[in-house]
Amino acid sequence: MNRLTGVIIGFFIIALTWQSGKFRKADPEIFRTSVAILILVIFQGWFGSIVVSTNLTTWTITVHMFLALLIVVLLASLQNRSNPSGARSDKKITLFAAAALILLFIQVFLGTEVRTAIDRVSSVLPRNEWIGALGTVFVTHRTFSWVVLIAQLILIRKIRKTPGLNTLSLPLIILILGAFLTGVGMAYLGVPAVLQPLHLTLASIAIGTEALLIFRTNGSNN
């Protein structure tokens, strides 16, 4: 399923790059960003084979994850460039959103550390004992989630009544609360398998949404 999805993504990105060619003169930034995304997707596909061949080592999983998130951020940039929202530039919101996004990236990194720790204990313990055996890496991830949640709620409050940004407030709160609650569910329900991909997917989409928010507020669509 992972490989098949990767192939489908590849075809979509090729089509995206092909379509962006018509903007090479009118708006070359669209074409350059599309080409960069295509190169990253190709590299990501190759690096995925490295992740598998090295038996899912910690550093390869982390790099693979952050490359995927970089692609998401670039797609958000391209979406903003090709479909301007009309939002006014606001440095204060941009800086706060950037800080909140950095916190999200840190939380994702901590999450990859938790996943690695789970790999170590899953072979010797039943699923319902995994969380208790993770130690400080899980405690750090869980505690930091409150920092992320508070920062996101403050950001959402700031953009709720801002023209051009308010449409992102509801999706963002759903994504952030969804990621938070699925994390709570994994902690207290013995890491159900269905919650693991859902937790990661919600966090990844939240990062893309927040990146789009930053692009809208820094005047990059003007």
Protein backbone atom coordinates (compact mmCIF):
# COMPACT_ATOMS: atom_id res chain seq x y z
CA MET A 1 0.00 0.00 0.00
CA ASN A 2 2.85 2.37 0.83
CA ARG A 3 4.58 1.74 -2.50
CA LEU A 4 1.34 1.96 -4.48
CA THR A 5 0.43 5.26 -2.82
CA GLY A 6 3.93 6.56 -3.56
CA VAL A 7 3.53 5.71 -7.25
CA ILE A 8 0.14 7.47 -7.40
CA ILE A 9 1.64 10.56 -5.71
CA GLY A 10 4.48 10.47 -8.25
CA PHE A 11 2.03 10.56 -11.18
CA PHE A 12 0.14 13.47 -9.63
CA ILE A 13 3.36 15.43 -9.09
CA ILE A 14 4.48 14.76 -12.68
CA ALA A 15 1.12 16.08 -13.92
CA LEU A 16 1.44 19.08 -11.59
CA THR A 17 4.91 19.91 -12.94
CA TRP A 18 3.70 19.52 -16.52
CA GLN A 19 0.77 21.88 -15.93
CA SER A 20 2.98 24.43 -14.17
CA GLY A 21 5.09 24.73 -17.31
CA LYS A 22 2.55 27.17 -18.74
CA PHE A 23 3.51 29.64 -15.97
CA ARG A 24 7.25 29.67 -16.72
CA LYS A 25 7.05 33.23 -18.03
CA ALA A 26 3.99 34.64 -16.28
CA ASP A 27 4.95 33.37 -12.80
CA PRO A 28 8.23 31.38 -12.84
CA GLU A 29 8.02 30.80 -9.08
CA ILE A 30 5.15 28.36 -9.64
CA PHE A 31 7.20 26.36 -12.15
CA ARG A 32 10.34 26.35 -9.99
CA THR A 33 8.42 25.21 -6.92
CA SER A 34 6.75 22.42 -8.90
CA VAL A 35 10.10 21.19 -10.21
CA ALA A 36 11.55 21.27 -6.68
CA ILE A 37 8.61 19.19 -5.43
CA LEU A 38 9.12 16.67 -8.26
CA ILE A 39 12.82 16.32 -7.43
CA LEU A 40 12.04 15.83 -3.74
CA VAL A 41 9.38 13.20 -4.49
CA ILE A 42 11.82 11.25 -6.66
CA PHE A 43 14.48 11.48 -3.95
CA GLN A 44 11.92 10.51 -1.32
CA GLY A 45 11.01 7.40 -3.31
CA TRP A 46 14.67 6.41 -3.51
CA PHE A 47 15.25 7.15 0.16
CA GLY A 48 12.25 5.01 1.06
CA SER A 49 14.15 2.02 -0.33
CA ILE A 50 17.05 2.95 1.95
CA VAL A 51 14.70 3.00 4.95
CA VAL A 52 13.58 -0.53 4.12
CA SER A 53 17.05 -1.89 3.32
CA THR A 54 18.45 -0.57 6.62
CA ASN A 55 15.62 -2.27 8.52
CA LEU A 56 13.87 0.94 9.63
CA THR A 57 16.73 2.51 11.55
CA THR A 58 15.89 5.58 13.62
CA TRP A 59 17.70 8.21 11.58
CA THR A 60 16.31 6.99 8.23
CA ILE A 61 12.72 7.06 9.55
CA THR A 62 13.23 10.60 10.86
CA VAL A 63 14.76 11.89 7.62
CA HIS A 64 12.08 10.16 5.55
CA MET A 65 9.36 11.75 7.67
CA PHE A 66 10.78 15.26 7.51
CA LEU A 67 11.32 15.04 3.75
CA ALA A 68 7.62 14.21 3.42
CA LEU A 69 6.72 17.21 5.57
CA LEU A 70 8.97 19.46 3.47
CA ILE A 71 7.03 18.34 0.39
CA VAL A 72 3.77 19.18 2.20
CA VAL A 73 5.07 22.68 3.03
CA LEU A 74 6.13 23.28 -0.59
CA LEU A 75 2.72 22.14 -1.81
CA ALA A 76 1.12 24.63 0.59
CA SER A 77 3.37 27.34 -0.85
CA LEU A 78 2.34 26.40 -4.38
CA GLN A 79 -1.34 26.35 -3.47
CA ASN A 80 -1.05 29.81 -1.96
CA ARG A 81 0.87 31.14 -4.96
CA SER A 82 -1.61 29.81 -7.51
CA ASN A 83 -4.75 30.70 -5.53
CA PRO A 84 -4.19 33.98 -3.61
CA SER A 85 -6.51 34.48 -0.65
CA GLY A 86 -6.38 38.27 -0.52
CA ALA A 87 -5.25 38.21 3.12
CA ARG A 88 -3.31 41.24 4.26
CA SER A 89 0.31 40.87 5.34
CA ASP A 90 0.53 40.61 9.13
CA LYS A 91 4.01 40.20 10.60
CA LYS A 92 2.79 39.48 14.12
CA ILE A 93 0.58 36.60 13.03
CA THR A 94 3.28 35.34 10.66
CA LEU A 95 5.87 35.21 13.45
CA PHE A 96 3.49 33.56 15.90
CA ALA A 97 2.38 31.03 13.29
CA ALA A 98 6.03 30.29 12.44
CA ALA A 99 6.76 29.68 16.14
CA ALA A 100 3.71 27.40 16.42
CA LEU A 101 4.84 25.51 13.30
CA ILE A 102 8.33 25.01 14.74
CA LEU A 103 6.72 23.56 17.88
CA LEU A 104 4.76 21.17 15.67
CA PHE A 105 7.95 20.05 13.93
CA ILE A 106 9.64 19.47 17.29
CA GLN A 107 6.64 17.42 18.41
CA VAL A 108 6.83 15.32 15.24
CA PHE A 109 10.52 14.69 15.92
CA LEU A 110 9.69 13.59 19.46
CA GLY A 111 7.00 11.37 17.98
CA THR A 112 9.57 9.61 15.77
CA GLU A 113 11.63 8.98 18.91
CA VAL A 114 8.57 7.43 20.59
CA ARG A 115 7.98 5.25 17.55
CA THR A 116 11.58 4.02 17.70
CA ALA A 117 11.19 3.23 21.39
CA ILE A 118 8.01 1.29 20.61
CA ASP A 119 9.93 -0.75 18.04
CA ARG A 120 12.32 -1.80 20.79
CA VAL A 121 9.69 -2.88 23.32
CA SER A 122 7.10 -4.32 20.92
CA SER A 123 9.11 -7.48 20.34
CA VAL A 124 9.26 -8.38 24.02
CA LEU A 125 6.07 -6.96 25.57
CA PRO A 126 2.34 -7.20 24.83
CA ARG A 127 0.77 -4.10 23.23
CA ASN A 128 -0.97 -2.93 26.42
CA GLU A 129 2.43 -2.64 28.19
CA TRP A 130 4.26 -0.65 25.53
CA ILE A 131 3.49 2.83 26.88
CA GLY A 132 4.60 1.99 30.41
CA ALA A 133 7.95 0.75 29.11
CA LEU A 134 8.83 3.78 26.98
CA GLY A 135 10.25 5.91 29.81
CA THR A 136 11.22 9.57 29.50
CA VAL A 137 10.91 9.78 25.70
CA PHE A 138 7.15 9.26 25.93
CA VAL A 139 6.78 11.56 28.96
CA THR A 140 8.57 14.32 27.02
CA HIS A 141 6.36 13.81 23.98
CA ARG A 142 3.19 13.79 26.09
CA THR A 143 4.16 16.87 28.12
CA PHE A 144 5.23 18.83 25.05
CA SER A 145 1.87 18.11 23.42
CA TRP A 146 0.29 20.54 25.90
CA VAL A 147 2.72 23.27 24.84
CA VAL A 148 1.82 22.63 21.20
CA LEU A 149 -1.91 22.59 21.94
CA ILE A 150 -1.85 25.89 23.88
CA ALA A 151 0.22 27.61 21.17
CA GLN A 152 -2.16 26.40 18.48
CA LEU A 153 -5.26 27.53 20.37
CA ILE A 154 -3.79 31.00 20.82
CA LEU A 155 -2.96 31.14 17.11
CA ILE A 156 -6.46 30.02 16.14
CA ARG A 157 -7.94 32.72 18.36
CA LYS A 158 -5.79 35.31 16.57
CA ILE A 159 -6.92 34.31 13.08
CA ARG A 160 -10.62 33.63 13.74
CA LYS A 161 -11.72 37.14 12.85
CA THR A 162 -9.02 37.96 10.30
CA PRO A 163 -10.29 38.17 6.68
CA GLY A 164 -8.54 35.68 4.41
CA LEU A 165 -7.39 33.61 7.39
CA ASN A 166 -10.59 32.83 9.28
CA THR A 167 -11.44 29.99 6.89
CA LEU A 168 -8.39 28.13 8.18
CA SER A 169 -9.34 28.37 11.85
CA LEU A 170 -11.92 25.56 11.89
CA PRO A 171 -9.84 23.04 9.88
CA LEU A 172 -6.82 23.83 12.04
CA ILE A 173 -8.63 23.32 15.35
CA ILE A 174 -10.11 20.03 14.08
CA LEU A 175 -6.69 18.79 12.98
CA ILE A 176 -4.88 19.86 16.14
CA LEU A 177 -7.51 18.47 18.49
CA GLY A 178 -7.72 15.32 16.39
CA ALA A 179 -3.97 14.76 16.60
CA PHE A 180 -4.04 15.50 20.34
CA LEU A 181 -6.97 13.18 21.09
CA THR A 182 -5.63 10.30 18.98
CA GLY A 183 -2.38 10.65 20.93
CA VAL A 184 -4.34 10.45 24.18
CA GLY A 185 -6.17 7.43 22.80
CA MET A 186 -2.92 5.63 22.04
CA ALA A 187 -1.60 6.39 25.52
CA TYR A 188 -4.65 5.13 27.40
CA LEU A 189 -5.99 2.42 25.08
CA GLY A 190 -2.82 0.41 24.61
CA VAL A 191 -1.67 1.93 21.29
CA PRO A 192 -4.48 0.68 19.01
CA ALA A 193 -3.09 0.05 15.54
CA VAL A 194 -5.82 2.11 13.86
CA LEU A 195 -4.86 5.26 15.79
CA GLN A 196 -1.18 5.27 14.81
CA PRO A 197 -1.56 6.25 11.11
CA LEU A 198 -4.51 8.52 11.95
CA HIS A 199 -2.42 10.40 14.54
CA LEU A 200 0.42 10.94 12.08
CA THR A 201 -1.88 11.89 9.20
CA LEU A 202 -3.71 14.55 11.22
CA ALA A 203 -0.40 16.03 12.42
CA SER A 204 0.97 16.13 8.86
CA ILE A 205 -2.12 17.87 7.46
CA ALA A 206 -2.00 20.33 10.37
CA ILE A 207 1.57 21.23 9.41
CA GLY A 208 0.49 21.82 5.81
CA THR A 209 -2.44 23.97 6.94
CA GLU A 210 -0.25 26.02 9.24
CA ALA A 211 2.34 26.48 6.50
CA LEU A 212 -0.44 27.77 4.22
CA LEU A 213 -1.44 30.20 6.98
CA ILE A 214 2.11 31.55 7.16
CA PHE A 215 2.30 32.01 3.39
CA ARG A 216 -1.00 33.89 3.44
CA THR A 217 0.14 36.30 6.14
CA ASN A 218 3.62 37.17 4.94
CA GLY A 219 2.56 38.70 1.65
CA SER A 220 4.07 35.93 -0.50
CA ASN A 221 0.91 35.73 -2.59
CA ASN A 222 1.03 39.36 -3.66
